[in-house]
Amino acid sequence: MEFNRINAYRIMWLFVFFDLPTNTKGERKAASQFRKKLLKDGFTMMQYSVYIRHCASRESMEVHVKRVRSSVPSAGQVSMMSITDKQYGNIINFWGHKTKAMPPPKAQLEMF
């Protein structure tokens, strides 16, 4: 009997980093549409050009990688990185001079 236990090493976080041109009206529109697609797919803005998403498993993460890949604009640079929930727990955030905990991501409903 196989037992798949959800733990901090199976749960993944997907980071999307991007630097998109915004010189022309068309480029601004493409960058805005890309950000809106990330939000619609459940990503949360960590910084202006850094978005994160919680994924329950590596398989779930791969689905979101494909979605991001399909919406990448023709110009600019987009990078993705995945880390485990255990690694994510080691992030230290600074806002101003004091260390603060990052606000919790929005709750997501997953259907099996």
C-alpha atoms as a PDB file:
ATOM      1  CA  MET A   1       0.000   0.000   0.000  1.00  0.00           C
ATOM      2  CA  GLU A   2       1.478   3.302  -1.073  1.00  0.00           C
ATOM      3  CA  PHE A   3       1.139   6.172   1.364  1.00  0.00           C
ATOM      4  CA  ASN A   4       1.668   9.704  -0.007  1.00  0.00           C
ATOM      5  CA  ARG A   5       2.017  11.999   2.942  1.00  0.00           C
ATOM      6  CA  ILE A   6       1.874  15.732   2.291  1.00  0.00           C
ATOM      7  CA  ASN A   7       4.853  17.305   3.962  1.00  0.00           C
ATOM      8  CA  ALA A   8       7.053  20.376   3.703  1.00  0.00           C
ATOM      9  CA  TYR A   9       9.255  18.668   1.110  1.00  0.00           C
ATOM     10  CA  ARG A  10       6.420  17.795  -1.326  1.00  0.00           C
ATOM     11  CA  ILE A  11       4.546  21.100  -1.152  1.00  0.00           C
ATOM     12  CA  MET A  12       6.054  23.564  -3.627  1.00  0.00           C
ATOM     13  CA  TRP A  13       6.191  27.326  -4.104  1.00  0.00           C
ATOM     14  CA  LEU A  14       6.529  28.702  -7.614  1.00  0.00           C
ATOM     15  CA  PHE A  15       8.209  32.072  -8.120  1.00  0.00           C
ATOM     16  CA  VAL A  16       7.855  34.092 -11.345  1.00  0.00           C
ATOM     17  CA  PHE A  17      10.353  36.920 -11.903  1.00  0.00           C
ATOM     18  CA  PHE A  18       9.979  39.183 -14.886  1.00  0.00           C
ATOM     19  CA  ASP A  19      11.397  42.276 -16.520  1.00  0.00           C
ATOM     20  CA  LEU A  20       9.116  43.372 -19.339  1.00  0.00           C
ATOM     21  CA  PRO A  21       9.547  46.434 -21.548  1.00  0.00           C
ATOM     22  CA  THR A  22       7.015  49.237 -21.080  1.00  0.00           C
ATOM     23  CA  ASN A  23       8.232  51.837 -23.573  1.00  0.00           C
ATOM     24  CA  THR A  24       5.295  51.731 -25.964  1.00  0.00           C
ATOM     25  CA  LYS A  25       1.561  51.488 -25.406  1.00  0.00           C
ATOM     26  CA  GLY A  26       1.554  47.929 -26.812  1.00  0.00           C
ATOM     27  CA  GLU A  27       4.367  46.833 -24.486  1.00  0.00           C
ATOM     28  CA  ARG A  28       2.583  48.304 -21.464  1.00  0.00           C
ATOM     29  CA  LYS A  29      -0.588  46.461 -22.446  1.00  0.00           C
ATOM     30  CA  ALA A  30       1.279  43.155 -22.866  1.00  0.00           C
ATOM     31  CA  ALA A  31       2.986  43.572 -19.462  1.00  0.00           C
ATOM     32  CA  SER A  32      -0.321  44.422 -17.797  1.00  0.00           C
ATOM     33  CA  GLN A  33      -2.063  41.430 -19.372  1.00  0.00           C
ATOM     34  CA  PHE A  34       0.755  39.148 -18.209  1.00  0.00           C
ATOM     35  CA  ARG A  35       0.407  40.371 -14.611  1.00  0.00           C
ATOM     36  CA  LYS A  36      -3.385  39.982 -14.750  1.00  0.00           C
ATOM     37  CA  LYS A  37      -3.024  36.387 -16.014  1.00  0.00           C
ATOM     38  CA  LEU A  38      -0.690  35.610 -13.107  1.00  0.00           C
ATOM     39  CA  LEU A  39      -3.227  36.977 -10.629  1.00  0.00           C
ATOM     40  CA  LYS A  40      -6.060  35.063 -12.308  1.00  0.00           C
ATOM     41  CA  ASP A  41      -4.005  31.861 -12.004  1.00  0.00           C
ATOM     42  CA  GLY A  42      -3.697  32.327  -8.228  1.00  0.00           C
ATOM     43  CA  PHE A  43      -0.328  34.052  -7.966  1.00  0.00           C
ATOM     44  CA  THR A  44       0.268  36.703  -5.305  1.00  0.00           C
ATOM     45  CA  MET A  45       2.489  39.726  -5.834  1.00  0.00           C
ATOM     46  CA  MET A  46       5.509  39.526  -3.534  1.00  0.00           C
ATOM     47  CA  GLN A  47       7.261  42.501  -5.131  1.00  0.00           C
ATOM     48  CA  TYR A  48       6.363  44.467  -8.243  1.00  0.00           C
ATOM     49  CA  SER A  49       7.988  42.005 -10.676  1.00  0.00           C
ATOM     50  CA  VAL A  50       8.002  38.945  -8.415  1.00  0.00           C
ATOM     51  CA  TYR A  51       4.911  36.784  -8.057  1.00  0.00           C
ATOM     52  CA  ILE A  52       4.523  33.604  -5.991  1.00  0.00           C
ATOM     53  CA  ARG A  53       2.078  30.723  -5.885  1.00  0.00           C
ATOM     54  CA  HIS A  54       1.567  27.838  -3.488  1.00  0.00           C
ATOM     55  CA  CYS A  55       1.292  24.440  -5.180  1.00  0.00           C
ATOM     56  CA  ALA A  56       0.184  21.313  -3.317  1.00  0.00           C
ATOM     57  CA  SER A  57       2.556  19.071  -5.297  1.00  0.00           C
ATOM     58  CA  ARG A  58       5.183  19.023  -8.016  1.00  0.00           C
ATOM     59  CA  GLU A  59       2.540  17.900 -10.514  1.00  0.00           C
ATOM     60  CA  SER A  60       0.354  20.905  -9.653  1.00  0.00           C
ATOM     61  CA  MET A  61       3.385  23.175 -10.034  1.00  0.00           C
ATOM     62  CA  GLU A  62       4.086  21.810 -13.518  1.00  0.00           C
ATOM     63  CA  VAL A  63       0.545  22.733 -14.603  1.00  0.00           C
ATOM     64  CA  HIS A  64       1.123  26.349 -13.517  1.00  0.00           C
ATOM     65  CA  VAL A  65       4.546  26.431 -15.189  1.00  0.00           C
ATOM     66  CA  LYS A  66       2.846  25.502 -18.484  1.00  0.00           C
ATOM     67  CA  ARG A  67       0.208  28.223 -17.987  1.00  0.00           C
ATOM     68  CA  VAL A  68       2.834  30.885 -17.321  1.00  0.00           C
ATOM     69  CA  ARG A  69       4.917  29.710 -20.287  1.00  0.00           C
ATOM     70  CA  SER A  70       1.911  30.032 -22.594  1.00  0.00           C
ATOM     71  CA  SER A  71       1.262  33.644 -21.528  1.00  0.00           C
ATOM     72  CA  VAL A  72       4.824  35.025 -21.709  1.00  0.00           C
ATOM     73  CA  PRO A  73       4.935  38.203 -23.845  1.00  0.00           C
ATOM     74  CA  SER A  74       7.090  38.238 -26.974  1.00  0.00           C
ATOM     75  CA  ALA A  75       9.544  40.771 -25.502  1.00  0.00           C
ATOM     76  CA  GLY A  76      11.246  40.892 -22.123  1.00  0.00           C
ATOM     77  CA  GLN A  77      12.540  38.299 -19.718  1.00  0.00           C
ATOM     78  CA  VAL A  78      10.543  35.902 -17.528  1.00  0.00           C
ATOM     79  CA  SER A  79      12.175  33.443 -15.117  1.00  0.00           C
ATOM     80  CA  MET A  80      10.574  30.816 -12.893  1.00  0.00           C
ATOM     81  CA  MET A  81      11.957  29.084  -9.832  1.00  0.00           C
ATOM     82  CA  SER A  82      10.414  26.439  -7.600  1.00  0.00           C
ATOM     83  CA  ILE A  83      11.303  25.692  -3.999  1.00  0.00           C
ATOM     84  CA  THR A  84       9.890  23.390  -1.355  1.00  0.00           C
ATOM     85  CA  ASP A  85       7.673  24.623   1.457  1.00  0.00           C
ATOM     86  CA  LYS A  86      10.524  23.837   3.871  1.00  0.00           C
ATOM     87  CA  GLN A  87      12.869  26.161   1.937  1.00  0.00           C
ATOM     88  CA  TYR A  88      10.173  28.832   1.688  1.00  0.00           C
ATOM     89  CA  GLY A  89       9.900  28.808   5.481  1.00  0.00           C
ATOM     90  CA  ASN A  90      13.484  30.094   5.695  1.00  0.00           C
ATOM     91  CA  ILE A  91      12.754  33.362   3.851  1.00  0.00           C
ATOM     92  CA  ILE A  92      13.557  36.490   5.844  1.00  0.00           C
ATOM     93  CA  ASN A  93      11.708  39.640   4.767  1.00  0.00           C
ATOM     94  CA  PHE A  94      12.606  43.231   5.640  1.00  0.00           C
ATOM     95  CA  TRP A  95      10.221  46.152   5.289  1.00  0.00           C
ATOM     96  CA  GLY A  96      11.990  49.263   6.476  1.00  0.00           C
ATOM     97  CA  HIS A  97      14.330  48.589   9.391  1.00  0.00           C
ATOM     98  CA  LYS A  98      12.353  45.863  11.162  1.00  0.00           C
ATOM     99  CA  THR A  99      11.836  42.238  10.231  1.00  0.00           C
ATOM    100  CA  LYS A 100       8.186  41.429   9.629  1.00  0.00           C
ATOM    101  CA  ALA A 101       6.419  38.250   8.721  1.00  0.00           C
ATOM    102  CA  MET A 102       5.115  38.123   5.177  1.00  0.00           C
ATOM    103  CA  PRO A 103       1.323  38.341   5.002  1.00  0.00           C
ATOM    104  CA  PRO A 104      -0.184  34.876   4.533  1.00  0.00           C
ATOM    105  CA  PRO A 105      -1.166  34.021   0.956  1.00  0.00           C
ATOM    106  CA  LYS A 106      -4.836  33.906   0.101  1.00  0.00           C
ATOM    107  CA  ALA A 107      -6.501  30.584   0.878  1.00  0.00           C
ATOM    108  CA  GLN A 108      -6.931  28.427  -2.183  1.00  0.00           C
ATOM    109  CA  LEU A 109      -9.495  25.743  -2.735  1.00  0.00           C
ATOM    110  CA  GLU A 110      -8.223  22.648  -4.496  1.00  0.00           C
ATOM    111  CA  MET A 111     -10.564  20.040  -5.904  1.00  0.00           C
ATOM    112  CA  PHE A 112      -9.379  16.473  -6.212  1.00  0.00           C
END
